[in-house]
Amino acid sequence: MSISAINWALNVVRGINSTQKSILIALADRANEENQCWPSYEDICDRSCATRNALSNALKVFEQKNLVTRQQRHNKSTIYTLNIASTEKHTAGGSTESYTSSSTESYTSSSTESYTLTIKEPSKEPQKQKHGRFTPPQGVAKEPWQDWVAYRRKFKAPTTERSLLLVANKLKDFTEEEQRQAVDLAIECGWKSVFPKKQNYDSEGDFTI
């Protein structure tokens, strides 16, 4: 693959239709450092999503516009040479603007308009930690609270601000150890809320005397 060839096909060449553009990019993707490639018709069609008829017509257009030169070989695939250095940009109005290549992979016209291929690298900055409902309210221990929210979400139970606030207000009245015990007991019994361990509740989590 040649980055300069892909940059040329994407950003420099104009005056061709979308199918022809995709075919030219497919050739550029196969090109070596000498801007040559020899893919089969099937490979080009597969990469560009074009029909064989569309490919044949596109290659004729490329030769007419001096974008691509073909070298037929006996019993071998055709060699395609991308004419990057001497390409003229054909505009829709019929006028032309000359483009030349450089070692920096930048293509500049006589009007100093430049086209460059920019590859965006992933940011190396650490992502900021998202704060949400897993953040425990003030007065509630972190681990019991996270376990409770995870338990509710696992069974797709409501985790609205209101429903979580009701549980948080109950847990605030417990010591940290009691919070841990209450959450563990509620998860074990499948309850919808938390209660002090010393109280008695039925299997639905309702208080019994």
Foldseek 3Di string as FASTA:
>chain_A
DDQLQLLCLPPPADDDDPLLSLLSNQLSVQADPQQKHFDALVSSCVRSVDDSVVVVVSVVVCVVQVQWDWDDDPPGTIMIHGPAAFGWHQYPVGDTWTWGADPVSWIATPVRDIGHDDDDDDDPDDDDDDDDQLDQDPQADNPLSNLQVVLCVVVPHDPDPVLSVVQSVQRSVDDRVQSNVQSVVCSVLVESHTDGPVFDDDSNRDGDD
